[in-house]
């Protein structure tokens, strides 16, 4: 969701009109409307004000929250030991390791 849509979503979730939110942020309704339609970007100070008002982070507003990518040790049997709650046969585990390593010679 882009910045403008997030601001509109948060505003609507609080049950506020554009005019009401603009008053609370000490900006014009026109400015808020331009933020919500992505025709204008708020400056850093206004981003902080908006984030504080809605009790969210600026990173949330800008879609910069960290998205942790989990990695696994493919040699650790406990990591790839089951699928859908069922134990994976040992020969299938070894084949999966070779696939994950990505070496063609390992697949023969």
PDB file of N, CA and C in Angstrom:
ATOM      1  N   UNK A   1       0.852  -1.168   0.000  1.00  0.00           N
ATOM      2  CA  UNK A   1       0.000   0.000   0.000  1.00  0.00           C
ATOM      3  C   UNK A   1       0.901   1.236   0.000  1.00  0.00           C
ATOM      4  N   UNK A   2       0.614   2.187  -0.868  1.00  0.00           N
ATOM      5  CA  UNK A   2       1.451   3.384  -0.942  1.00  0.00           C
ATOM      6  C   UNK A   2       1.127   4.355   0.201  1.00  0.00           C
ATOM      7  N   UNK A   3       1.946   5.382   0.325  1.00  0.00           N
ATOM      8  CA  UNK A   3       1.827   6.328   1.436  1.00  0.00           C
ATOM      9  C   UNK A   3       0.445   6.973   1.498  1.00  0.00           C
ATOM     10  N   UNK A   4      -0.036   7.470   0.378  1.00  0.00           N
ATOM     11  CA  UNK A   4      -1.334   8.136   0.364  1.00  0.00           C
ATOM     12  C   UNK A   4      -2.461   7.233   0.823  1.00  0.00           C
ATOM     13  N   UNK A   5      -2.459   6.004   0.334  1.00  0.00           N
ATOM     14  CA  UNK A   5      -3.493   5.050   0.741  1.00  0.00           C
ATOM     15  C   UNK A   5      -3.390   4.711   2.224  1.00  0.00           C
ATOM     16  N   UNK A   6      -2.155   4.647   2.740  1.00  0.00           N
ATOM     17  CA  UNK A   6      -1.992   4.357   4.170  1.00  0.00           C
ATOM     18  C   UNK A   6      -2.551   5.487   5.022  1.00  0.00           C
ATOM     19  N   UNK A   7      -2.265   6.716   4.617  1.00  0.00           N
ATOM     20  CA  UNK A   7      -2.788   7.853   5.381  1.00  0.00           C
ATOM     21  C   UNK A   7      -4.319   7.833   5.360  1.00  0.00           C
ATOM     22  N   UNK A   8      -4.901   7.619   4.184  1.00  0.00           N
ATOM     23  CA  UNK A   8      -6.368   7.567   4.071  1.00  0.00           C
ATOM     24  C   UNK A   8      -6.934   6.418   4.899  1.00  0.00           C
ATOM     25  N   UNK A   9      -6.281   5.257   4.839  1.00  0.00           N
ATOM     26  CA  UNK A   9      -6.732   4.092   5.597  1.00  0.00           C
ATOM     27  C   UNK A   9      -6.716   4.383   7.097  1.00  0.00           C
ATOM     28  N   UNK A  10      -5.611   4.938   7.576  1.00  0.00           N
ATOM     29  CA  UNK A  10      -5.490   5.242   9.002  1.00  0.00           C
ATOM     30  C   UNK A  10      -6.510   6.298   9.429  1.00  0.00           C
ATOM     31  N   UNK A  11      -6.721   7.288   8.578  1.00  0.00           N
ATOM     32  CA  UNK A  11      -7.705   8.335   8.872  1.00  0.00           C
ATOM     33  C   UNK A  11      -9.106   7.742   8.982  1.00  0.00           C
ATOM     34  N   UNK A  12      -9.472   6.919   7.997  1.00  0.00           N
ATOM     35  CA  UNK A  12     -10.805   6.312   7.992  1.00  0.00           C
ATOM     36  C   UNK A  12     -10.988   5.361   9.175  1.00  0.00           C
ATOM     37  N   UNK A  13      -9.927   4.656   9.524  1.00  0.00           N
ATOM     38  CA  UNK A  13     -10.001   3.736  10.658  1.00  0.00           C
ATOM     39  C   UNK A  13     -10.292   4.486  11.963  1.00  0.00           C
ATOM     40  N   UNK A  14      -9.809   5.711  12.046  1.00  0.00           N
ATOM     41  CA  UNK A  14     -10.088   6.535  13.234  1.00  0.00           C
ATOM     42  C   UNK A  14     -11.428   7.253  13.122  1.00  0.00           C
ATOM     43  N   UNK A  15     -12.098   7.088  11.980  1.00  0.00           N
ATOM     44  CA  UNK A  15     -13.401   7.724  11.797  1.00  0.00           C
ATOM     45  C   UNK A  15     -13.328   9.227  11.595  1.00  0.00           C
ATOM     46  N   UNK A  16     -12.228   9.692  11.007  1.00  0.00           N
ATOM     47  CA  UNK A  16     -12.038  11.125  10.797  1.00  0.00           C
ATOM     48  C   UNK A  16     -12.267  11.501   9.341  1.00  0.00           C
ATOM     49  N   UNK A  17     -12.795  12.690   9.137  1.00  0.00           N
ATOM     50  CA  UNK A  17     -12.885  13.233   7.782  1.00  0.00           C
ATOM     51  C   UNK A  17     -11.524  13.844   7.435  1.00  0.00           C
ATOM     52  N   UNK A  18     -11.335  14.166   6.158  1.00  0.00           N
ATOM     53  CA  UNK A  18     -10.095  14.841   5.776  1.00  0.00           C
ATOM     54  C   UNK A  18      -9.964  16.165   6.522  1.00  0.00           C
ATOM     55  N   UNK A  19     -11.064  16.874   6.634  1.00  0.00           N
ATOM     56  CA  UNK A  19     -11.052  18.172   7.311  1.00  0.00           C
ATOM     57  C   UNK A  19     -10.650  18.037   8.781  1.00  0.00           C
ATOM     58  N   UNK A  20     -11.199  17.039   9.445  1.00  0.00           N
ATOM     59  CA  UNK A  20     -10.872  16.832  10.862  1.00  0.00           C
ATOM     60  C   UNK A  20      -9.401  16.488  11.050  1.00  0.00           C
ATOM     61  N   UNK A  21      -8.890  15.573  10.210  1.00  0.00           N
ATOM     62  CA  UNK A  21      -7.477  15.201  10.343  1.00  0.00           C
ATOM     63  C   UNK A  21      -6.577  16.376  10.001  1.00  0.00           C
ATOM     64  N   UNK A  22      -6.918  17.105   8.955  1.00  0.00           N
ATOM     65  CA  UNK A  22      -6.113  18.266   8.578  1.00  0.00           C
ATOM     66  C   UNK A  22      -6.024  19.254   9.743  1.00  0.00           C
ATOM     67  N   UNK A  23      -7.144  19.485  10.424  1.00  0.00           N
ATOM     68  CA  UNK A  23      -7.133  20.387  11.588  1.00  0.00           C
ATOM     69  C   UNK A  23      -6.195  19.870  12.674  1.00  0.00           C
ATOM     70  N   UNK A  24      -6.247  18.585  12.934  1.00  0.00           N
ATOM     71  CA  UNK A  24      -5.405  17.998  13.985  1.00  0.00           C
ATOM     72  C   UNK A  24      -3.923  18.063  13.620  1.00  0.00           C
ATOM     73  N   UNK A  25      -3.619  17.989  12.316  1.00  0.00           N
ATOM     74  CA  UNK A  25      -2.229  18.037  11.861  1.00  0.00           C
ATOM     75  C   UNK A  25      -1.765  19.470  11.590  1.00  0.00           C
ATOM     76  N   UNK A  26      -2.690  20.437  11.700  1.00  0.00           N
ATOM     77  CA  UNK A  26      -2.397  21.852  11.446  1.00  0.00           C
ATOM     78  C   UNK A  26      -1.941  22.084  10.008  1.00  0.00           C
ATOM     79  N   UNK A  27      -2.669  21.455   9.079  1.00  0.00           N
ATOM     80  CA  UNK A  27      -2.425  21.652   7.650  1.00  0.00           C
ATOM     81  C   UNK A  27      -3.775  21.883   6.981  1.00  0.00           C
ATOM     82  N   UNK A  28      -3.747  22.292   5.726  1.00  0.00           N
ATOM     83  CA  UNK A  28      -5.008  22.497   5.010  1.00  0.00           C
ATOM     84  C   UNK A  28      -5.571  21.154   4.548  1.00  0.00           C
ATOM     85  N   UNK A  29      -6.886  21.139   4.348  1.00  0.00           N
ATOM     86  CA  UNK A  29      -7.522  19.932   3.829  1.00  0.00           C
ATOM     87  C   UNK A  29      -6.979  19.628   2.434  1.00  0.00           C
ATOM     88  N   UNK A  30      -6.680  20.663   1.668  1.00  0.00           N
ATOM     89  CA  UNK A  30      -6.121  20.472   0.328  1.00  0.00           C
ATOM     90  C   UNK A  30      -4.783  19.745   0.364  1.00  0.00           C
ATOM     91  N   UNK A  31      -3.929  20.128   1.318  1.00  0.00           N
ATOM     92  CA  UNK A  31      -2.629  19.448   1.452  1.00  0.00           C
ATOM     93  C   UNK A  31      -2.825  17.982   1.796  1.00  0.00           C
ATOM     94  N   UNK A  32      -3.716  17.726   2.753  1.00  0.00           N
ATOM     95  CA  UNK A  32      -3.975  16.339   3.134  1.00  0.00           C
ATOM     96  C   UNK A  32      -4.518  15.552   1.949  1.00  0.00           C
ATOM     97  N   UNK A  33      -5.426  16.153   1.205  1.00  0.00           N
ATOM     98  CA  UNK A  33      -5.973  15.485   0.022  1.00  0.00           C
ATOM     99  C   UNK A  33      -4.887  15.151  -0.984  1.00  0.00           C
ATOM    100  N   UNK A  34      -3.934  16.050  -1.138  1.00  0.00           N
ATOM    101  CA  UNK A  34      -2.830  15.790  -2.071  1.00  0.00           C
ATOM    102  C   UNK A  34      -1.924  14.678  -1.557  1.00  0.00           C
ATOM    103  N   UNK A  35      -1.725  14.597  -0.238  1.00  0.00           N
ATOM    104  CA  UNK A  35      -0.955  13.486   0.328  1.00  0.00           C
ATOM    105  C   UNK A  35      -1.672  12.167   0.052  1.00  0.00           C
ATOM    106  N   UNK A  36      -2.982  12.158   0.297  1.00  0.00           N
ATOM    107  CA  UNK A  36      -3.748  10.918   0.159  1.00  0.00           C
ATOM    108  C   UNK A  36      -3.855  10.453  -1.290  1.00  0.00           C
ATOM    109  N   UNK A  37      -3.753  11.366  -2.234  1.00  0.00           N
ATOM    110  CA  UNK A  37      -3.810  10.983  -3.654  1.00  0.00           C
ATOM    111  C   UNK A  37      -2.416  10.897  -4.274  1.00  0.00           C
ATOM    112  N   UNK A  38      -1.403  11.003  -3.435  1.00  0.00           N
ATOM    113  CA  UNK A  38       0.001  10.907  -3.865  1.00  0.00           C
ATOM    114  C   UNK A  38       0.396  11.978  -4.882  1.00  0.00           C
ATOM    115  N   UNK A  39      -0.276  13.113  -4.831  1.00  0.00           N
ATOM    116  CA  UNK A  39       0.090  14.224  -5.712  1.00  0.00           C
ATOM    117  C   UNK A  39       1.155  15.098  -5.068  1.00  0.00           C
ATOM    118  N   UNK A  40       1.311  14.945  -3.770  1.00  0.00           N
ATOM    119  CA  UNK A  40       2.350  15.656  -3.030  1.00  0.00           C
ATOM    120  C   UNK A  40       2.821  14.740  -1.909  1.00  0.00           C
ATOM    121  N   UNK A  41       4.107  14.802  -1.606  1.00  0.00           N
ATOM    122  CA  UNK A  41       4.679  14.012  -0.509  1.00  0.00           C
ATOM    123  C   UNK A  41       4.910  14.923   0.688  1.00  0.00           C
ATOM    124  N   UNK A  42       4.534  14.467   1.877  1.00  0.00           N
ATOM    125  CA  UNK A  42       4.806  15.276   3.067  1.00  0.00           C
ATOM    126  C   UNK A  42       6.305  15.332   3.353  1.00  0.00           C
ATOM    127  N   UNK A  43       6.748  16.447   3.931  1.00  0.00           N
ATOM    128  CA  UNK A  43       8.163  16.536   4.299  1.00  0.00           C
ATOM    129  C   UNK A  43       8.417  15.663   5.528  1.00  0.00           C
ATOM    130  N   UNK A  44       9.670  15.565   5.916  1.00  0.00           N
ATOM    131  CA  UNK A  44      10.062  14.677   7.015  1.00  0.00           C
ATOM    132  C   UNK A  44       9.351  15.054   8.312  1.00  0.00           C
ATOM    133  N   UNK A  45       9.261  16.335   8.586  1.00  0.00           N
ATOM    134  CA  UNK A  45       8.592  16.781   9.808  1.00  0.00           C
ATOM    135  C   UNK A  45       7.119  16.356   9.805  1.00  0.00           C
ATOM    136  N   UNK A  46       6.446  16.522   8.672  1.00  0.00           N
ATOM    137  CA  UNK A  46       5.032  16.141   8.590  1.00  0.00           C
ATOM    138  C   UNK A  46       4.879  14.626   8.655  1.00  0.00           C
ATOM    139  N   UNK A  47       5.806  13.878   8.050  1.00  0.00           N
ATOM    140  CA  UNK A  47       5.761  12.412   8.162  1.00  0.00           C
ATOM    141  C   UNK A  47       5.819  11.991   9.627  1.00  0.00           C
ATOM    142  N   UNK A  48       6.708  12.623  10.376  1.00  0.00           N
ATOM    143  CA  UNK A  48       6.812  12.319  11.812  1.00  0.00           C
ATOM    144  C   UNK A  48       5.530  12.683  12.550  1.00  0.00           C
ATOM    145  N   UNK A  49       4.942  13.812  12.197  1.00  0.00           N
ATOM    146  CA  UNK A  49       3.695  14.245  12.835  1.00  0.00           C
ATOM    147  C   UNK A  49       2.571  13.251  12.552  1.00  0.00           C
ATOM    148  N   UNK A  50       2.467  12.819  11.301  1.00  0.00           N
ATOM    149  CA  UNK A  50       1.433  11.845  10.914  1.00  0.00           C
ATOM    150  C   UNK A  50       1.662  10.523  11.640  1.00  0.00           C
ATOM    151  N   UNK A  51       2.910  10.065  11.641  1.00  0.00           N
ATOM    152  CA  UNK A  51       3.232   8.798  12.315  1.00  0.00           C
ATOM    153  C   UNK A  51       2.896   8.878  13.802  1.00  0.00           C
ATOM    154  N   UNK A  52       3.270   9.972  14.445  1.00  0.00           N
ATOM    155  CA  UNK A  52       2.969  10.138  15.873  1.00  0.00           C
ATOM    156  C   UNK A  52       1.464  10.171  16.124  1.00  0.00           C
ATOM    157  N   UNK A  53       0.736  10.879  15.269  1.00  0.00           N
ATOM    158  CA  UNK A  53      -0.710  10.983  15.459  1.00  0.00           C
ATOM    159  C   UNK A  53      -1.376   9.607  15.409  1.00  0.00           C
ATOM    160  N   UNK A  54      -0.955   8.786  14.452  1.00  0.00           N
ATOM    161  CA  UNK A  54      -1.576   7.467  14.292  1.00  0.00           C
ATOM    162  C   UNK A  54      -0.878   6.380  15.107  1.00  0.00           C
ATOM    163  N   UNK A  55       0.174   6.762  15.834  1.00  0.00           N
ATOM    164  CA  UNK A  55       0.936   5.814  16.648  1.00  0.00           C
ATOM    165  C   UNK A  55       1.490   4.665  15.809  1.00  0.00           C
ATOM    166  N   UNK A  56       2.089   5.040  14.679  1.00  0.00           N
ATOM    167  CA  UNK A  56       2.777   4.087  13.808  1.00  0.00           C
ATOM    168  C   UNK A  56       4.169   4.650  13.538  1.00  0.00           C
ATOM    169  N   UNK A  57       5.024   3.852  12.964  1.00  0.00           N
ATOM    170  CA  UNK A  57       6.365   4.335  12.636  1.00  0.00           C
ATOM    171  C   UNK A  57       6.375   4.961  11.243  1.00  0.00           C
ATOM    172  N   UNK A  58       7.336   5.846  11.025  1.00  0.00           N
ATOM    173  CA  UNK A  58       7.536   6.400   9.687  1.00  0.00           C
ATOM    174  C   UNK A  58       7.877   5.261   8.731  1.00  0.00           C
ATOM    175  N   UNK A  59       8.636   4.284   9.215  1.00  0.00           N
ATOM    176  CA  UNK A  59       8.961   3.123   8.380  1.00  0.00           C
ATOM    177  C   UNK A  59       7.700   2.410   7.916  1.00  0.00           C
ATOM    178  N   UNK A  60       6.700   2.295   8.792  1.00  0.00           N
ATOM    179  CA  UNK A  60       5.428   1.684   8.396  1.00  0.00           C
ATOM    180  C   UNK A  60       4.778   2.506   7.287  1.00  0.00           C
ATOM    181  N   UNK A  61       4.742   3.828   7.465  1.00  0.00           N
ATOM    182  CA  UNK A  61       4.120   4.686   6.457  1.00  0.00           C
ATOM    183  C   UNK A  61       4.805   4.555   5.106  1.00  0.00           C
ATOM    184  N   UNK A  62       6.121   4.404   5.129  1.00  0.00           N
ATOM    185  CA  UNK A  62       6.895   4.352   3.884  1.00  0.00           C
ATOM    186  C   UNK A  62       7.166   2.930   3.397  1.00  0.00           C
ATOM    187  N   UNK A  63       6.538   1.946   4.023  1.00  0.00           N
ATOM    188  CA  UNK A  63       6.748   0.534   3.663  1.00  0.00           C
ATOM    189  C   UNK A  63       8.208   0.125   3.776  1.00  0.00           C
ATOM    190  N   UNK A  64       8.874   0.609   4.802  1.00  0.00           N
ATOM    191  CA  UNK A  64      10.286   0.279   4.995  1.00  0.00           C
ATOM    192  C   UNK A  64      10.514  -0.619   6.193  1.00  0.00           C
ATOM    193  N   UNK A  65       9.455  -1.192   6.716  1.00  0.00           N
ATOM    194  CA  UNK A  65       9.637  -2.099   7.844  1.00  0.00           C
ATOM    195  C   UNK A  65      10.474  -3.269   7.368  1.00  0.00           C
ATOM    196  N   UNK A  66      11.368  -3.699   8.221  1.00  0.00           N
ATOM    197  CA  UNK A  66      12.254  -4.783   7.817  1.00  0.00           C
ATOM    198  C   UNK A  66      11.458  -6.051   7.589  1.00  0.00           C
ATOM    199  N   UNK A  67      11.796  -6.688   6.534  1.00  0.00           N
ATOM    200  CA  UNK A  67      11.183  -7.964   6.208  1.00  0.00           C
ATOM    201  C   UNK A  67      12.289  -9.004   6.318  1.00  0.00           C
ATOM    202  N   UNK A  68      12.300  -9.692   7.423  1.00  0.00           N
ATOM    203  CA  UNK A  68      13.353 -10.649   7.699  1.00  0.00           C
ATOM    204  C   UNK A  68      13.188 -11.871   6.814  1.00  0.00           C
ATOM    205  N   UNK A  69      14.259 -12.214   6.153  1.00  0.00           N
ATOM    206  CA  UNK A  69      14.267 -13.418   5.345  1.00  0.00           C
ATOM    207  C   UNK A  69      14.974 -14.486   6.147  1.00  0.00           C
ATOM    208  N   UNK A  70      14.262 -15.530   6.432  1.00  0.00           N
ATOM    209  CA  UNK A  70      14.858 -16.601   7.209  1.00  0.00           C
ATOM    210  C   UNK A  70      15.675 -17.493   6.285  1.00  0.00           C
ATOM    211  N   UNK A  71      16.834 -17.861   6.768  1.00  0.00           N
ATOM    212  CA  UNK A  71      17.660 -18.811   6.041  1.00  0.00           C
ATOM    213  C   UNK A  71      17.816 -20.043   6.908  1.00  0.00           C
ATOM    214  N   UNK A  72      18.114 -21.129   6.272  1.00  0.00           N
ATOM    215  CA  UNK A  72      18.244 -22.380   7.011  1.00  0.00           C
ATOM    216  C   UNK A  72      19.520 -23.088   6.588  1.00  0.00           C
ATOM    217  N   UNK A  73      20.069 -23.816   7.513  1.00  0.00           N
ATOM    218  CA  UNK A  73      21.233 -24.644   7.235  1.00  0.00           C
ATOM    219  C   UNK A  73      20.734 -25.930   6.592  1.00  0.00           C
ATOM    220  N   UNK A  74      21.036 -26.122   5.307  1.00  0.00           N
ATOM    221  CA  UNK A  74      20.503 -27.298   4.605  1.00  0.00           C
ATOM    222  C   UNK A  74      21.141 -28.596   5.071  1.00  0.00           C
ATOM    223  N   UNK A  75      22.195 -28.503   5.855  1.00  0.00           N
ATOM    224  CA  UNK A  75      22.805 -29.717   6.387  1.00  0.00           C
ATOM    225  C   UNK A  75      22.133 -30.161   7.685  1.00  0.00           C
ATOM    226  N   UNK A  76      21.301 -29.308   8.246  1.00  0.00           N
ATOM    227  CA  UNK A  76      20.627 -29.606   9.504  1.00  0.00           C
ATOM    228  C   UNK A  76      19.324 -30.349   9.218  1.00  0.00           C
ATOM    229  N   UNK A  77      19.302 -31.639   9.537  1.00  0.00           N
ATOM    230  CA  UNK A  77      18.121 -32.463   9.261  1.00  0.00           C
ATOM    231  C   UNK A  77      16.860 -31.936   9.930  1.00  0.00           C
ATOM    232  N   UNK A  78      16.995 -31.302  11.086  1.00  0.00           N
ATOM    233  CA  UNK A  78      15.802 -30.826  11.790  1.00  0.00           C
ATOM    234  C   UNK A  78      15.105 -29.702  11.033  1.00  0.00           C
ATOM    235  N   UNK A  79      15.835 -29.026  10.146  1.00  0.00           N
ATOM    236  CA  UNK A  79      15.256 -27.928   9.385  1.00  0.00           C
ATOM    237  C   UNK A  79      14.344 -28.444   8.280  1.00  0.00           C
ATOM    238  N   UNK A  80      14.743 -29.486   7.601  1.00  0.00           N
ATOM    239  CA  UNK A  80      13.969 -29.999   6.466  1.00  0.00           C
ATOM    240  C   UNK A  80      13.500 -31.424   6.705  1.00  0.00           C
ATOM    241  N   UNK A  81      13.304 -31.769   7.960  1.00  0.00           N
ATOM    242  CA  UNK A  81      13.002 -33.148   8.319  1.00  0.00           C
ATOM    243  C   UNK A  81      11.556 -33.544   8.079  1.00  0.00           C
ATOM    244  N   UNK A  82      10.640 -32.570   8.108  1.00  0.00           N
ATOM    245  CA  UNK A  82       9.229 -32.911   7.927  1.00  0.00           C
ATOM    246  C   UNK A  82       8.585 -32.019   6.878  1.00  0.00           C
ATOM    247  N   UNK A  83       7.519 -32.534   6.306  1.00  0.00           N
ATOM    248  CA  UNK A  83       6.709 -31.772   5.369  1.00  0.00           C
ATOM    249  C   UNK A  83       5.259 -32.069   5.699  1.00  0.00           C
ATOM    250  N   UNK A  84       4.496 -31.017   5.978  1.00  0.00           N
ATOM    251  CA  UNK A  84       3.091 -31.170   6.367  1.00  0.00           C
ATOM    252  C   UNK A  84       2.933 -32.161   7.515  1.00  0.00           C
ATOM    253  N   UNK A  85       3.883 -32.115   8.448  1.00  0.00           N
ATOM    254  CA  UNK A  85       3.805 -32.957   9.634  1.00  0.00           C
ATOM    255  C   UNK A  85       4.256 -34.392   9.436  1.00  0.00           C
ATOM    256  N   UNK A  86       4.635 -34.742   8.223  1.00  0.00           N
ATOM    257  CA  UNK A  86       5.088 -36.118   7.958  1.00  0.00           C
ATOM    258  C   UNK A  86       6.599 -36.129   7.778  1.00  0.00           C
ATOM    259  N   UNK A  87       7.204 -37.179   8.247  1.00  0.00           N
ATOM    260  CA  UNK A  87       8.650 -37.316   8.127  1.00  0.00           C
ATOM    261  C   UNK A  87       9.023 -37.549   6.661  1.00  0.00           C
ATOM    262  N   UNK A  88      10.094 -36.902   6.221  1.00  0.00           N
ATOM    263  CA  UNK A  88      10.572 -37.059   4.846  1.00  0.00           C
ATOM    264  C   UNK A  88      11.579 -38.198   4.826  1.00  0.00           C
ATOM    265  N   UNK A  89      11.426 -39.134   3.875  1.00  0.00           N
ATOM    266  CA  UNK A  89      12.380 -40.251   3.786  1.00  0.00           C
ATOM    267  C   UNK A  89      13.812 -39.744   3.588  1.00  0.00           C
ATOM    268  N   UNK A  90      14.777 -40.472   4.156  1.00  0.00           N
ATOM    269  CA  UNK A  90      16.188 -40.079   4.132  1.00  0.00           C
ATOM    270  C   UNK A  90      16.699 -39.833   2.709  1.00  0.00           C
ATOM    271  N   UNK A  91      16.335 -40.709   1.752  1.00  0.00           N
ATOM    272  CA  UNK A  91      16.817 -40.523   0.378  1.00  0.00           C
ATOM    273  C   UNK A  91      16.238 -39.250  -0.249  1.00  0.00           C
ATOM    274  N   UNK A  92      15.009 -38.893   0.124  1.00  0.00           N
ATOM    275  CA  UNK A  92      14.424 -37.649  -0.376  1.00  0.00           C
ATOM    276  C   UNK A  92      15.122 -36.437   0.230  1.00  0.00           C
ATOM    277  N   UNK A  93      15.497 -36.540   1.508  1.00  0.00           N
ATOM    278  CA  UNK A  93      16.231 -35.454   2.151  1.00  0.00           C
ATOM    279  C   UNK A  93      17.553 -35.199   1.435  1.00  0.00           C
ATOM    280  N   UNK A  94      18.257 -36.260   1.110  1.00  0.00           N
ATOM    281  CA  UNK A  94      19.544 -36.112   0.427  1.00  0.00           C
ATOM    282  C   UNK A  94      19.352 -35.491  -0.954  1.00  0.00           C
ATOM    283  N   UNK A  95      18.324 -35.912  -1.668  1.00  0.00           N
ATOM    284  CA  UNK A  95      18.029 -35.344  -2.985  1.00  0.00           C
ATOM    285  C   UNK A  95      17.708 -33.845  -2.853  1.00  0.00           C
ATOM    286  N   UNK A  96      16.941 -33.494  -1.829  1.00  0.00           N
ATOM    287  CA  UNK A  96      16.598 -32.086  -1.608  1.00  0.00           C
ATOM    288  C   UNK A  96      17.848 -31.257  -1.314  1.00  0.00           C
ATOM    289  N   UNK A  97      18.776 -31.814  -0.544  1.00  0.00           N
ATOM    290  CA  UNK A  97      20.036 -31.102  -0.270  1.00  0.00           C
ATOM    291  C   UNK A  97      20.798 -30.844  -1.560  1.00  0.00           C
ATOM    292  N   UNK A  98      20.849 -31.848  -2.406  1.00  0.00           N
ATOM    293  CA  UNK A  98      21.567 -31.676  -3.676  1.00  0.00           C
ATOM    294  C   UNK A  98      20.886 -30.606  -4.531  1.00  0.00           C
ATOM    295  N   UNK A  99      19.572 -30.602  -4.546  1.00  0.00           N
ATOM    296  CA  UNK A  99      18.848 -29.572  -5.292  1.00  0.00           C
ATOM    297  C   UNK A  99      19.147 -28.180  -4.746  1.00  0.00           C
ATOM    298  N   UNK A 100      19.161 -28.046  -3.423  1.00  0.00           N
ATOM    299  CA  UNK A 100      19.403 -26.743  -2.808  1.00  0.00           C
ATOM    300  C   UNK A 100      20.827 -26.267  -3.034  1.00  0.00           C
ATOM    301  N   UNK A 101      21.760 -27.184  -3.098  1.00  0.00           N
ATOM    302  CA  UNK A 101      23.147 -26.792  -3.396  1.00  0.00           C
ATOM    303  C   UNK A 101      23.251 -26.325  -4.834  1.00  0.00           C
ATOM    304  N   UNK A 102      22.400 -26.877  -5.700  1.00  0.00           N
ATOM    305  CA  UNK A 102      22.339 -26.433  -7.088  1.00  0.00           C
ATOM    306  C   UNK A 102      23.447 -26.930  -7.983  1.00  0.00           C
ATOM    307  N   UNK A 103      24.063 -28.007  -7.631  1.00  0.00           N
ATOM    308  CA  UNK A 103      25.114 -28.531  -8.499  1.00  0.00           C
ATOM    309  C   UNK A 103      24.564 -29.665  -9.341  1.00  0.00           C
ATOM    310  N   UNK A 104      24.798 -29.579 -10.632  1.00  0.00           N
ATOM    311  CA  UNK A 104      24.257 -30.582 -11.557  1.00  0.00           C
ATOM    312  C   UNK A 104      24.828 -31.973 -11.308  1.00  0.00           C
ATOM    313  N   UNK A 105      26.096 -32.046 -10.993  1.00  0.00           N
ATOM    314  CA  UNK A 105      26.710 -33.356 -10.773  1.00  0.00           C
ATOM    315  C   UNK A 105      26.075 -34.073  -9.593  1.00  0.00           C
ATOM    316  N   UNK A 106      25.607 -33.291  -8.617  1.00  0.00           N
ATOM    317  CA  UNK A 106      24.970 -33.894  -7.446  1.00  0.00           C
ATOM    318  C   UNK A 106      23.635 -34.535  -7.792  1.00  0.00           C
ATOM    319  N   UNK A 107      23.014 -34.120  -8.891  1.00  0.00           N
ATOM    320  CA  UNK A 107      21.687 -34.621  -9.236  1.00  0.00           C
ATOM    321  C   UNK A 107      21.739 -35.944  -9.983  1.00  0.00           C
ATOM    322  N   UNK A 108      22.893 -36.336 -10.447  1.00  0.00           N
ATOM    323  CA  UNK A 108      23.011 -37.583 -11.217  1.00  0.00           C
ATOM    324  C   UNK A 108      23.153 -38.782 -10.323  1.00  0.00           C
TER     325      UNK A 108
END
